[in-house]
């Protein structure tokens, strides 16, 4: 192993640099995860609901994937940076509310810019936050890194209220729904009301 490689390996494994390199690795993982999540989603949506030729659809897939991946990379690195700054400001100790402050700042800076993709991500996160308050399975032992499913009874109520509310909104206040969900619900519930022969009944959107 060359001296330069040995030096690099020492830096990478030195605990003194761990927090700083963690920011870099977090950005890398955010980028990779964003591509893994958004690319197949954007591809399927382009195939099923895309408009225009495949050149424009391909550009949309690329742009959506790039935006999602970069935003996750930015958020993870900013979150870790703010956590590190708070830790240093508090004499090397983390406080329980440091995570909330770091998430608050990262969420405002990165995901506070309104766009279709940011809206989807924020709504996804919000739904998980709300669902986290459901009572867990009776007798289940919860701990860090060990998710426990919601109690089946409470989850059934949560599902019923969620679907009842969204169907009412779609009927009475559809302009308030997120655009992706609105388009999906139009396809499922309104477009299915129109046909004039067997072909349009079974194969064509309208």
N, C-alpha and C. Protein backbone atom coordinates (compact mmCIF):
# COMPACT_ATOMS: atom_id res chain seq x y z
N UNK A 1 0.86 -1.19 0.00
CA UNK A 1 0.00 0.00 0.00
C UNK A 1 0.90 1.24 0.00
N UNK A 2 0.59 2.18 -0.90
CA UNK A 2 1.41 3.38 -1.01
C UNK A 2 1.20 4.27 0.21
N UNK A 3 2.15 5.19 0.39
CA UNK A 3 2.06 6.09 1.53
C UNK A 3 0.82 6.98 1.47
N UNK A 4 0.45 7.41 0.26
CA UNK A 4 -0.74 8.24 0.12
C UNK A 4 -2.00 7.46 0.48
N UNK A 5 -2.04 6.19 0.08
CA UNK A 5 -3.20 5.35 0.40
C UNK A 5 -3.26 5.09 1.90
N UNK A 6 -2.10 4.90 2.52
CA UNK A 6 -2.06 4.68 3.97
C UNK A 6 -2.52 5.92 4.72
N UNK A 7 -2.09 7.07 4.25
CA UNK A 7 -2.51 8.33 4.88
C UNK A 7 -4.01 8.52 4.75
N UNK A 8 -4.55 8.24 3.56
CA UNK A 8 -6.00 8.38 3.33
C UNK A 8 -6.77 7.43 4.23
N UNK A 9 -6.27 6.21 4.36
CA UNK A 9 -6.95 5.21 5.19
C UNK A 9 -6.93 5.64 6.67
N UNK A 10 -5.82 6.25 7.12
CA UNK A 10 -5.75 6.73 8.50
C UNK A 10 -6.76 7.84 8.74
N UNK A 11 -6.89 8.74 7.75
CA UNK A 11 -7.85 9.84 7.87
C UNK A 11 -9.28 9.28 7.93
N UNK A 12 -9.57 8.32 7.06
CA UNK A 12 -10.92 7.76 6.99
C UNK A 12 -11.31 7.01 8.26
N UNK A 13 -10.33 6.44 8.95
CA UNK A 13 -10.63 5.66 10.15
C UNK A 13 -10.34 6.41 11.45
N UNK A 14 -9.88 7.64 11.34
CA UNK A 14 -9.58 8.44 12.51
C UNK A 14 -10.87 8.97 13.14
N UNK A 15 -11.15 8.65 14.40
CA UNK A 15 -12.39 9.13 15.05
C UNK A 15 -12.53 10.64 15.04
N UNK A 16 -11.41 11.35 14.97
CA UNK A 16 -11.47 12.82 14.97
C UNK A 16 -12.17 13.37 13.73
N UNK A 17 -12.13 12.60 12.66
CA UNK A 17 -12.75 13.05 11.40
C UNK A 17 -14.10 12.39 11.15
N UNK A 18 -14.54 11.55 12.07
CA UNK A 18 -15.75 10.75 11.84
C UNK A 18 -16.98 11.60 11.54
N UNK A 19 -17.23 12.61 12.36
CA UNK A 19 -18.43 13.42 12.18
C UNK A 19 -18.41 14.19 10.86
N UNK A 20 -17.23 14.65 10.46
CA UNK A 20 -17.13 15.41 9.22
C UNK A 20 -17.32 14.50 8.00
N UNK A 21 -16.71 13.33 8.06
CA UNK A 21 -16.87 12.38 6.96
C UNK A 21 -18.29 11.83 6.93
N UNK A 22 -18.95 11.79 8.10
CA UNK A 22 -20.34 11.35 8.14
C UNK A 22 -21.25 12.26 7.34
N UNK A 23 -20.93 13.55 7.31
CA UNK A 23 -21.70 14.49 6.49
C UNK A 23 -21.55 14.15 5.02
N UNK A 24 -20.31 13.84 4.61
CA UNK A 24 -20.05 13.47 3.23
C UNK A 24 -20.76 12.17 2.86
N UNK A 25 -20.66 11.17 3.74
CA UNK A 25 -21.30 9.88 3.47
C UNK A 25 -22.82 10.03 3.48
N UNK A 26 -23.35 10.89 4.33
CA UNK A 26 -24.79 11.14 4.35
C UNK A 26 -25.27 11.73 3.04
N UNK A 27 -24.50 12.69 2.50
CA UNK A 27 -24.86 13.29 1.21
C UNK A 27 -24.84 12.24 0.12
N UNK A 28 -23.82 11.38 0.15
CA UNK A 28 -23.71 10.31 -0.85
C UNK A 28 -24.90 9.36 -0.76
N UNK A 29 -25.26 8.95 0.46
CA UNK A 29 -26.37 8.02 0.63
C UNK A 29 -27.70 8.66 0.24
N UNK A 30 -27.85 9.97 0.54
CA UNK A 30 -29.06 10.67 0.13
C UNK A 30 -29.20 10.70 -1.38
N UNK A 31 -28.09 10.92 -2.06
CA UNK A 31 -28.09 10.96 -3.52
C UNK A 31 -28.49 9.59 -4.09
N UNK A 32 -27.86 8.54 -3.58
CA UNK A 32 -28.13 7.18 -4.08
C UNK A 32 -29.56 6.77 -3.79
N UNK A 33 -30.02 7.03 -2.57
CA UNK A 33 -31.37 6.64 -2.19
C UNK A 33 -32.41 7.40 -3.01
N UNK A 34 -32.16 8.69 -3.24
CA UNK A 34 -33.08 9.48 -4.05
C UNK A 34 -33.24 8.93 -5.45
N UNK A 35 -32.12 8.50 -6.05
CA UNK A 35 -32.18 7.91 -7.39
C UNK A 35 -32.95 6.59 -7.36
N UNK A 36 -32.68 5.76 -6.36
CA UNK A 36 -33.35 4.46 -6.26
C UNK A 36 -34.85 4.60 -6.08
N UNK A 37 -35.26 5.61 -5.33
CA UNK A 37 -36.69 5.80 -5.06
C UNK A 37 -37.39 6.50 -6.21
N UNK A 38 -36.81 7.58 -6.73
CA UNK A 38 -37.52 8.41 -7.70
C UNK A 38 -37.48 7.86 -9.11
N UNK A 39 -36.34 7.28 -9.54
CA UNK A 39 -36.24 6.86 -10.94
C UNK A 39 -37.31 5.84 -11.33
N UNK A 40 -37.49 4.73 -10.59
CA UNK A 40 -38.54 3.79 -11.00
C UNK A 40 -39.93 4.39 -10.93
N UNK A 41 -40.17 5.25 -9.93
CA UNK A 41 -41.48 5.90 -9.81
C UNK A 41 -41.74 6.81 -11.01
N UNK A 42 -40.75 7.63 -11.36
CA UNK A 42 -40.91 8.55 -12.49
C UNK A 42 -41.06 7.78 -13.80
N UNK A 43 -40.34 6.67 -13.93
CA UNK A 43 -40.43 5.86 -15.14
C UNK A 43 -41.83 5.26 -15.31
N UNK A 44 -42.35 4.67 -14.23
CA UNK A 44 -43.69 4.06 -14.29
C UNK A 44 -44.75 5.12 -14.56
N UNK A 45 -44.63 6.27 -13.91
CA UNK A 45 -45.61 7.33 -14.12
C UNK A 45 -45.56 7.85 -15.56
N UNK A 46 -44.36 7.89 -16.15
CA UNK A 46 -44.22 8.33 -17.53
C UNK A 46 -44.87 7.34 -18.49
N UNK A 47 -44.74 6.05 -18.17
CA UNK A 47 -45.33 5.01 -19.02
C UNK A 47 -46.86 5.03 -18.91
N UNK A 48 -47.35 5.16 -17.68
CA UNK A 48 -48.80 5.07 -17.46
C UNK A 48 -49.54 6.37 -17.78
N UNK A 49 -48.98 7.50 -17.34
CA UNK A 49 -49.71 8.75 -17.44
C UNK A 49 -48.98 9.86 -18.19
N UNK A 50 -47.80 9.56 -18.71
CA UNK A 50 -47.01 10.59 -19.37
C UNK A 50 -47.65 11.12 -20.64
N UNK A 51 -47.36 12.38 -20.93
CA UNK A 51 -47.86 13.03 -22.14
C UNK A 51 -46.70 13.49 -22.99
N UNK A 52 -46.93 13.58 -24.28
CA UNK A 52 -45.88 14.02 -25.17
C UNK A 52 -45.03 12.86 -25.64
N UNK A 53 -44.00 13.18 -26.45
CA UNK A 53 -43.13 12.13 -26.98
C UNK A 53 -42.15 11.66 -25.91
N UNK A 54 -41.40 10.63 -26.25
CA UNK A 54 -40.52 10.04 -25.25
C UNK A 54 -39.29 10.88 -24.96
N UNK A 55 -38.99 11.82 -25.82
CA UNK A 55 -37.89 12.74 -25.52
C UNK A 55 -38.26 13.63 -24.33
N UNK A 56 -39.47 14.18 -24.37
CA UNK A 56 -39.92 15.03 -23.26
C UNK A 56 -40.15 14.21 -22.00
N UNK A 57 -40.64 13.00 -22.15
CA UNK A 57 -40.85 12.14 -20.98
C UNK A 57 -39.53 11.77 -20.32
N UNK A 58 -38.52 11.48 -21.16
CA UNK A 58 -37.20 11.14 -20.63
C UNK A 58 -36.59 12.31 -19.87
N UNK A 59 -36.77 13.52 -20.40
CA UNK A 59 -36.28 14.72 -19.71
C UNK A 59 -36.96 14.88 -18.36
N UNK A 60 -38.26 14.60 -18.33
CA UNK A 60 -39.00 14.72 -17.06
C UNK A 60 -38.50 13.69 -16.05
N UNK A 61 -38.27 12.46 -16.51
CA UNK A 61 -37.76 11.41 -15.62
C UNK A 61 -36.42 11.83 -15.04
N UNK A 62 -35.54 12.33 -15.90
CA UNK A 62 -34.21 12.75 -15.45
C UNK A 62 -34.30 13.90 -14.46
N UNK A 63 -35.13 14.90 -14.76
CA UNK A 63 -35.24 16.07 -13.90
C UNK A 63 -35.84 15.71 -12.55
N UNK A 64 -36.87 14.86 -12.56
CA UNK A 64 -37.50 14.44 -11.30
C UNK A 64 -36.52 13.64 -10.44
N UNK A 65 -35.78 12.74 -11.07
CA UNK A 65 -34.80 11.93 -10.34
C UNK A 65 -33.69 12.80 -9.78
N UNK A 66 -33.19 13.72 -10.58
CA UNK A 66 -32.12 14.63 -10.15
C UNK A 66 -32.58 15.49 -8.98
N UNK A 67 -33.77 16.06 -9.07
CA UNK A 67 -34.28 16.93 -8.01
C UNK A 67 -34.45 16.17 -6.71
N UNK A 68 -35.06 14.99 -6.78
CA UNK A 68 -35.29 14.18 -5.58
C UNK A 68 -33.96 13.79 -4.93
N UNK A 69 -33.03 13.31 -5.75
CA UNK A 69 -31.74 12.85 -5.22
C UNK A 69 -30.94 14.00 -4.61
N UNK A 70 -30.86 15.13 -5.30
CA UNK A 70 -30.10 16.26 -4.78
C UNK A 70 -30.73 16.84 -3.52
N UNK A 71 -32.04 16.88 -3.47
CA UNK A 71 -32.69 17.41 -2.27
C UNK A 71 -32.46 16.53 -1.06
N UNK A 72 -32.51 15.22 -1.25
CA UNK A 72 -32.20 14.32 -0.14
C UNK A 72 -30.75 14.47 0.30
N UNK A 73 -29.84 14.58 -0.68
CA UNK A 73 -28.42 14.76 -0.35
C UNK A 73 -28.21 16.06 0.42
N UNK A 74 -28.87 17.12 -0.02
CA UNK A 74 -28.75 18.41 0.67
C UNK A 74 -29.30 18.33 2.09
N UNK A 75 -30.47 17.69 2.23
CA UNK A 75 -31.09 17.63 3.55
C UNK A 75 -30.23 16.83 4.52
N UNK A 76 -29.77 15.64 4.10
CA UNK A 76 -28.98 14.80 4.99
C UNK A 76 -27.71 15.51 5.43
N UNK A 77 -27.01 16.13 4.48
CA UNK A 77 -25.75 16.80 4.82
C UNK A 77 -26.01 18.03 5.70
N UNK A 78 -27.06 18.78 5.42
CA UNK A 78 -27.37 19.95 6.24
C UNK A 78 -27.81 19.53 7.64
N UNK A 79 -28.63 18.50 7.72
CA UNK A 79 -29.07 17.98 9.01
C UNK A 79 -27.87 17.55 9.86
N UNK A 80 -26.96 16.79 9.27
CA UNK A 80 -25.78 16.32 10.00
C UNK A 80 -24.88 17.49 10.40
N UNK A 81 -24.77 18.49 9.53
CA UNK A 81 -23.95 19.65 9.84
C UNK A 81 -24.52 20.42 11.03
N UNK A 82 -25.82 20.66 11.02
CA UNK A 82 -26.46 21.39 12.13
C UNK A 82 -26.36 20.59 13.42
N UNK A 83 -26.50 19.27 13.33
CA UNK A 83 -26.34 18.42 14.51
C UNK A 83 -24.93 18.55 15.07
N UNK A 84 -23.93 18.56 14.19
CA UNK A 84 -22.54 18.67 14.63
C UNK A 84 -22.28 20.03 15.27
N UNK A 85 -22.81 21.09 14.67
CA UNK A 85 -22.62 22.44 15.23
C UNK A 85 -23.25 22.56 16.62
N UNK A 86 -24.43 21.98 16.79
CA UNK A 86 -25.09 22.02 18.09
C UNK A 86 -24.31 21.21 19.13
N UNK A 87 -23.79 20.08 18.68
CA UNK A 87 -23.01 19.23 19.58
C UNK A 87 -21.77 19.96 20.07
N UNK A 88 -21.09 20.64 19.16
CA UNK A 88 -19.89 21.38 19.53
C UNK A 88 -20.24 22.56 20.44
N UNK A 89 -21.36 23.20 20.16
CA UNK A 89 -21.77 24.34 20.96
C UNK A 89 -22.19 23.92 22.37
N UNK A 90 -22.51 22.64 22.53
CA UNK A 90 -22.96 22.13 23.83
C UNK A 90 -21.89 21.27 24.50
N UNK A 91 -20.63 21.55 24.18
CA UNK A 91 -19.53 20.84 24.83
C UNK A 91 -19.40 19.38 24.46
N UNK A 92 -19.81 19.04 23.23
CA UNK A 92 -19.67 17.66 22.75
C UNK A 92 -20.81 16.74 23.11
N UNK A 93 -21.88 17.29 23.66
CA UNK A 93 -23.02 16.46 24.04
C UNK A 93 -24.22 16.78 23.15
N UNK A 94 -24.98 15.74 22.80
CA UNK A 94 -26.22 15.92 22.05
C UNK A 94 -27.40 16.00 23.00
N UNK A 95 -28.32 16.90 22.70
CA UNK A 95 -29.55 17.01 23.47
C UNK A 95 -30.69 16.42 22.65
N UNK A 96 -31.75 16.00 23.32
CA UNK A 96 -32.83 15.30 22.62
C UNK A 96 -33.51 16.18 21.58
N UNK A 97 -33.59 17.49 21.84
CA UNK A 97 -34.28 18.37 20.89
C UNK A 97 -33.38 18.86 19.77
N UNK A 98 -32.08 18.49 19.80
CA UNK A 98 -31.19 18.89 18.71
C UNK A 98 -31.67 18.32 17.37
N UNK A 99 -32.20 17.10 17.41
CA UNK A 99 -32.67 16.48 16.16
C UNK A 99 -33.83 17.27 15.56
N UNK A 100 -34.72 17.73 16.42
CA UNK A 100 -35.87 18.51 15.93
C UNK A 100 -35.41 19.82 15.30
N UNK A 101 -34.47 20.50 15.97
CA UNK A 101 -33.97 21.78 15.44
C UNK A 101 -33.26 21.57 14.10
N UNK A 102 -32.43 20.52 14.02
CA UNK A 102 -31.72 20.24 12.77
C UNK A 102 -32.70 19.88 11.66
N UNK A 103 -33.71 19.08 11.99
CA UNK A 103 -34.72 18.73 11.00
C UNK A 103 -35.54 19.93 10.58
N UNK A 104 -35.83 20.80 11.54
CA UNK A 104 -36.60 22.01 11.26
C UNK A 104 -35.86 22.90 10.26
N UNK A 105 -34.58 23.11 10.51
CA UNK A 105 -33.78 23.96 9.62
C UNK A 105 -33.63 23.31 8.25
N UNK A 106 -33.28 22.03 8.23
CA UNK A 106 -33.12 21.33 6.96
C UNK A 106 -34.42 21.28 6.17
N UNK A 107 -35.52 21.03 6.86
CA UNK A 107 -36.81 20.97 6.18
C UNK A 107 -37.19 22.30 5.56
N UNK A 108 -36.91 23.39 6.29
CA UNK A 108 -37.25 24.71 5.77
C UNK A 108 -36.37 25.09 4.58
N UNK A 109 -35.06 24.87 4.73
CA UNK A 109 -34.11 25.28 3.68
C UNK A 109 -34.26 24.45 2.41
N UNK A 110 -34.38 23.13 2.57
CA UNK A 110 -34.37 22.23 1.41
C UNK A 110 -35.78 21.96 0.88
N UNK A 111 -36.68 21.55 1.77
CA UNK A 111 -38.01 21.15 1.32
C UNK A 111 -39.05 22.24 1.46
N UNK A 112 -38.64 23.40 1.97
CA UNK A 112 -39.57 24.52 2.08
C UNK A 112 -39.83 25.21 0.76
N UNK A 113 -39.02 24.92 -0.25
CA UNK A 113 -39.24 25.48 -1.59
C UNK A 113 -40.32 24.64 -2.27
N UNK A 114 -41.47 25.23 -2.52
CA UNK A 114 -42.61 24.47 -3.03
C UNK A 114 -42.39 23.99 -4.45
N UNK A 115 -42.54 22.69 -4.63
CA UNK A 115 -42.49 22.05 -5.95
C UNK A 115 -43.27 20.75 -5.83
N UNK A 116 -43.59 20.15 -6.96
CA UNK A 116 -44.38 18.93 -6.94
C UNK A 116 -43.65 17.82 -6.18
N UNK A 117 -42.35 17.69 -6.39
CA UNK A 117 -41.58 16.63 -5.74
C UNK A 117 -41.45 16.90 -4.25
N UNK A 118 -41.14 18.13 -3.88
CA UNK A 118 -41.05 18.46 -2.45
C UNK A 118 -42.38 18.24 -1.75
N UNK A 119 -43.46 18.57 -2.43
CA UNK A 119 -44.78 18.38 -1.84
C UNK A 119 -45.04 16.90 -1.57
N UNK A 120 -44.68 16.05 -2.51
CA UNK A 120 -44.85 14.60 -2.33
C UNK A 120 -44.03 14.10 -1.15
N UNK A 121 -42.78 14.54 -1.06
CA UNK A 121 -41.90 14.07 0.01
C UNK A 121 -42.40 14.54 1.37
N UNK A 122 -42.80 15.81 1.45
CA UNK A 122 -43.28 16.35 2.72
C UNK A 122 -44.57 15.65 3.16
N UNK A 123 -45.48 15.39 2.23
CA UNK A 123 -46.71 14.68 2.57
C UNK A 123 -46.42 13.25 3.02
N UNK A 124 -45.45 12.62 2.39
CA UNK A 124 -45.04 11.27 2.80
C UNK A 124 -44.53 11.30 4.24
N UNK A 125 -43.65 12.26 4.53
CA UNK A 125 -43.10 12.37 5.88
C UNK A 125 -44.21 12.70 6.89
N UNK A 126 -45.09 13.62 6.51
CA UNK A 126 -46.18 14.03 7.41
C UNK A 126 -47.07 12.84 7.75
N UNK A 127 -47.39 12.01 6.77
CA UNK A 127 -48.25 10.86 7.04
C UNK A 127 -47.59 9.90 8.01
N UNK A 128 -46.28 9.76 7.92
CA UNK A 128 -45.55 8.88 8.85
C UNK A 128 -45.53 9.47 10.26
N UNK A 129 -45.41 10.79 10.33
CA UNK A 129 -45.43 11.44 11.64
C UNK A 129 -46.79 11.23 12.31
N UNK A 130 -47.86 11.46 11.57
CA UNK A 130 -49.21 11.29 12.12
C UNK A 130 -49.43 9.84 12.54
N UNK A 131 -49.04 8.90 11.68
CA UNK A 131 -49.25 7.48 11.98
C UNK A 131 -48.43 7.02 13.17
N UNK A 132 -47.34 7.71 13.47
CA UNK A 132 -46.49 7.30 14.59
C UNK A 132 -47.19 7.45 15.93
N UNK A 133 -48.26 8.25 15.98
CA UNK A 133 -48.98 8.46 17.23
C UNK A 133 -50.05 7.39 17.48
N UNK A 134 -50.25 6.50 16.52
CA UNK A 134 -51.19 5.39 16.74
C UNK A 134 -50.64 4.47 17.82
N UNK A 135 -51.50 3.95 18.69
CA UNK A 135 -51.03 2.98 19.69
C UNK A 135 -50.41 1.76 19.00
N UNK A 136 -49.36 1.22 19.59
CA UNK A 136 -48.67 0.07 19.02
C UNK A 136 -49.34 -1.24 19.43
N UNK A 137 -48.90 -2.33 18.84
CA UNK A 137 -49.45 -3.65 19.15
C UNK A 137 -49.33 -3.94 20.65
N UNK A 138 -50.40 -4.46 21.25
CA UNK A 138 -50.35 -4.77 22.70
C UNK A 138 -49.25 -5.76 23.03
N UNK A 139 -48.50 -5.46 24.06
CA UNK A 139 -47.45 -6.36 24.50
C UNK A 139 -46.15 -6.26 23.74
N UNK A 140 -46.14 -5.47 22.65
CA UNK A 140 -44.92 -5.34 21.86
C UNK A 140 -43.91 -4.48 22.60
N UNK A 141 -42.66 -4.89 22.55
CA UNK A 141 -41.59 -4.14 23.21
C UNK A 141 -40.90 -3.28 22.16
N UNK A 142 -41.11 -1.98 22.25
CA UNK A 142 -40.51 -1.07 21.29
C UNK A 142 -39.15 -0.59 21.80
N UNK A 143 -38.28 -0.34 20.88
CA UNK A 143 -36.96 0.16 21.22
C UNK A 143 -36.33 0.82 20.02
N UNK A 144 -35.24 1.56 20.23
CA UNK A 144 -34.58 2.22 19.11
C UNK A 144 -34.20 1.23 18.02
N UNK A 145 -34.52 1.56 16.78
CA UNK A 145 -34.16 0.69 15.67
C UNK A 145 -35.02 -0.56 15.57
N UNK A 146 -36.14 -0.58 16.28
CA UNK A 146 -37.02 -1.75 16.25
C UNK A 146 -38.46 -1.28 16.09
N UNK A 147 -38.87 -1.00 14.85
CA UNK A 147 -40.24 -0.52 14.62
C UNK A 147 -41.28 -1.55 15.05
N UNK A 148 -42.37 -1.07 15.61
CA UNK A 148 -43.47 -1.92 16.03
C UNK A 148 -44.73 -1.48 15.28
N UNK A 149 -45.45 -2.43 14.73
CA UNK A 149 -46.64 -2.11 13.95
C UNK A 149 -47.74 -1.52 14.83
N UNK A 150 -48.58 -0.65 14.24
CA UNK A 150 -49.71 -0.11 15.01
C UNK A 150 -50.68 -1.22 15.41
N UNK A 151 -51.37 -1.00 16.50
CA UNK A 151 -52.43 -1.91 16.91
C UNK A 151 -53.45 -2.01 15.77
N UNK A 152 -53.85 -3.24 15.42
CA UNK A 152 -54.72 -3.46 14.27
C UNK A 152 -56.04 -2.70 14.39
N UNK A 153 -56.58 -2.64 15.59
CA UNK A 153 -57.87 -1.96 15.79
C UNK A 153 -57.75 -0.47 15.49
N UNK A 154 -56.71 0.16 16.02
CA UNK A 154 -56.54 1.59 15.81
C UNK A 154 -56.14 1.90 14.37
N UNK A 155 -55.38 0.98 13.77
CA UNK A 155 -55.01 1.20 12.37
C UNK A 155 -56.24 1.14 11.47
N UNK A 156 -57.17 0.26 11.77
CA UNK A 156 -58.41 0.17 10.98
C UNK A 156 -59.19 1.47 11.04
N UNK A 157 -59.26 2.06 12.23
CA UNK A 157 -59.96 3.34 12.39
C UNK A 157 -59.22 4.43 11.62
N UNK A 158 -57.89 4.44 11.73
CA UNK A 158 -57.05 5.41 11.03
C UNK A 158 -57.25 5.31 9.53
N UNK A 159 -57.28 4.07 9.00
CA UNK A 159 -57.49 3.86 7.56
C UNK A 159 -58.86 4.33 7.12
N UNK A 160 -59.87 4.01 7.93
CA UNK A 160 -61.23 4.40 7.58
C UNK A 160 -61.40 5.92 7.55
N UNK A 161 -60.88 6.60 8.58
CA UNK A 161 -60.99 8.06 8.64
C UNK A 161 -60.21 8.70 7.50
N UNK A 162 -59.03 8.18 7.20
CA UNK A 162 -58.20 8.74 6.13
C UNK A 162 -58.91 8.64 4.79
N UNK A 163 -59.44 7.47 4.47
CA UNK A 163 -60.10 7.28 3.18
C UNK A 163 -61.43 8.01 3.11
N UNK A 164 -62.16 8.02 4.22
CA UNK A 164 -63.40 8.79 4.23
C UNK A 164 -63.15 10.26 3.98
N UNK A 165 -62.12 10.79 4.63
CA UNK A 165 -61.79 12.21 4.49
C UNK A 165 -61.33 12.54 3.08
N UNK A 166 -60.46 11.71 2.50
CA UNK A 166 -59.92 12.04 1.18
C UNK A 166 -61.00 11.91 0.10
N UNK A 167 -61.93 10.97 0.25
CA UNK A 167 -63.00 10.85 -0.73
C UNK A 167 -63.95 12.04 -0.64
N UNK A 168 -64.19 12.53 0.58
CA UNK A 168 -65.03 13.71 0.73
C UNK A 168 -64.34 14.93 0.11
N UNK A 169 -63.03 15.05 0.38
CA UNK A 169 -62.28 16.16 -0.20
C UNK A 169 -62.30 16.11 -1.73
N UNK A 170 -62.14 14.92 -2.28
CA UNK A 170 -62.13 14.77 -3.74
C UNK A 170 -63.47 15.19 -4.34
N UNK A 171 -64.54 14.90 -3.63
CA UNK A 171 -65.87 15.25 -4.13
C UNK A 171 -66.20 16.72 -3.90
N UNK A 172 -65.85 17.24 -2.74
CA UNK A 172 -66.29 18.58 -2.35
C UNK A 172 -65.23 19.67 -2.47
N UNK A 173 -63.95 19.31 -2.32
CA UNK A 173 -62.88 20.31 -2.32
C UNK A 173 -61.65 19.77 -3.04
N UNK A 174 -61.84 19.28 -4.26
CA UNK A 174 -60.74 18.61 -4.94
C UNK A 174 -59.56 19.53 -5.24
N UNK A 175 -59.80 20.84 -5.27
CA UNK A 175 -58.71 21.78 -5.55
C UNK A 175 -57.68 21.84 -4.42
N UNK A 176 -58.01 21.28 -3.27
CA UNK A 176 -57.08 21.31 -2.13
C UNK A 176 -56.17 20.09 -2.09
N UNK A 177 -56.42 19.10 -2.94
CA UNK A 177 -55.62 17.88 -2.92
C UNK A 177 -54.29 18.08 -3.63
N UNK A 178 -53.28 17.33 -3.20
CA UNK A 178 -51.98 17.35 -3.87
C UNK A 178 -52.16 16.87 -5.31
N UNK A 179 -51.44 17.49 -6.24
CA UNK A 179 -51.70 17.27 -7.67
C UNK A 179 -51.56 15.81 -8.09
N UNK A 180 -50.55 15.11 -7.56
CA UNK A 180 -50.36 13.71 -7.93
C UNK A 180 -51.54 12.86 -7.51
N UNK A 181 -52.02 13.08 -6.28
CA UNK A 181 -53.16 12.31 -5.80
C UNK A 181 -54.43 12.71 -6.56
N UNK A 182 -54.58 14.00 -6.85
CA UNK A 182 -55.73 14.46 -7.61
C UNK A 182 -55.79 13.77 -8.97
N UNK A 183 -54.67 13.73 -9.69
CA UNK A 183 -54.64 13.10 -11.02
C UNK A 183 -54.95 11.62 -10.94
N UNK A 184 -54.42 10.95 -9.92
CA UNK A 184 -54.70 9.52 -9.75
C UNK A 184 -56.18 9.27 -9.47
N UNK A 185 -56.77 10.12 -8.63
CA UNK A 185 -58.17 9.92 -8.28
C UNK A 185 -59.10 10.27 -9.44
N UNK A 186 -58.71 11.25 -10.25
CA UNK A 186 -59.49 11.55 -11.46
C UNK A 186 -59.51 10.32 -12.36
N UNK A 187 -58.35 9.70 -12.54
CA UNK A 187 -58.25 8.51 -13.40
C UNK A 187 -59.11 7.37 -12.86
N UNK A 188 -59.06 7.17 -11.54
CA UNK A 188 -59.78 6.05 -10.93
C UNK A 188 -61.28 6.26 -10.85
N UNK A 189 -61.72 7.46 -10.51
CA UNK A 189 -63.13 7.66 -10.17
C UNK A 189 -63.92 8.46 -11.20
N UNK A 190 -63.28 9.40 -11.89
CA UNK A 190 -64.02 10.20 -12.86
C UNK A 190 -63.88 9.65 -14.28
N UNK A 191 -62.65 9.30 -14.66
CA UNK A 191 -62.47 8.77 -16.01
C UNK A 191 -63.20 7.44 -16.19
N UNK A 192 -63.40 6.71 -15.11
CA UNK A 192 -64.09 5.41 -15.20
C UNK A 192 -65.59 5.56 -15.41
N UNK A 193 -66.07 6.81 -15.47
CA UNK A 193 -67.49 7.05 -15.72
C UNK A 193 -67.79 7.27 -17.20
N UNK A 194 -66.76 7.23 -18.06
CA UNK A 194 -66.95 7.58 -19.47
C UNK A 194 -66.47 6.47 -20.39
N UNK A 195 -67.33 6.03 -21.32
CA UNK A 195 -66.99 5.08 -22.36
C UNK A 195 -68.10 5.12 -23.40
N UNK A 196 -67.79 4.64 -24.63
CA UNK A 196 -68.82 4.58 -25.66
C UNK A 196 -68.82 3.26 -26.43
N UNK A 197 -67.86 2.38 -26.13
CA UNK A 197 -67.86 1.05 -26.72
C UNK A 197 -66.97 0.15 -25.85
N UNK A 198 -66.87 -1.13 -26.25
CA UNK A 198 -66.11 -2.09 -25.46
C UNK A 198 -64.64 -1.70 -25.37
N UNK A 199 -64.09 -1.18 -26.45
CA UNK A 199 -62.66 -0.81 -26.45
C UNK A 199 -62.38 0.29 -25.44
N UNK A 200 -63.20 1.34 -25.46
CA UNK A 200 -62.96 2.44 -24.50
C UNK A 200 -63.33 2.06 -23.09
N UNK A 201 -64.20 1.06 -22.94
CA UNK A 201 -64.54 0.58 -21.59
C UNK A 201 -63.37 -0.15 -20.97
N UNK A 202 -62.65 -0.96 -21.78
CA UNK A 202 -61.61 -1.83 -21.23
C UNK A 202 -60.19 -1.29 -21.37
N UNK A 203 -59.90 -0.51 -22.41
CA UNK A 203 -58.50 -0.22 -22.69
C UNK A 203 -58.12 1.25 -22.66
N UNK A 204 -59.00 2.13 -23.03
CA UNK A 204 -58.63 3.54 -23.14
C UNK A 204 -58.98 4.28 -21.86
N UNK A 205 -58.17 5.27 -21.50
CA UNK A 205 -58.37 5.98 -20.24
C UNK A 205 -59.78 6.51 -20.09
N UNK A 206 -60.31 7.10 -21.13
CA UNK A 206 -61.65 7.70 -21.05
C UNK A 206 -62.57 7.03 -22.05
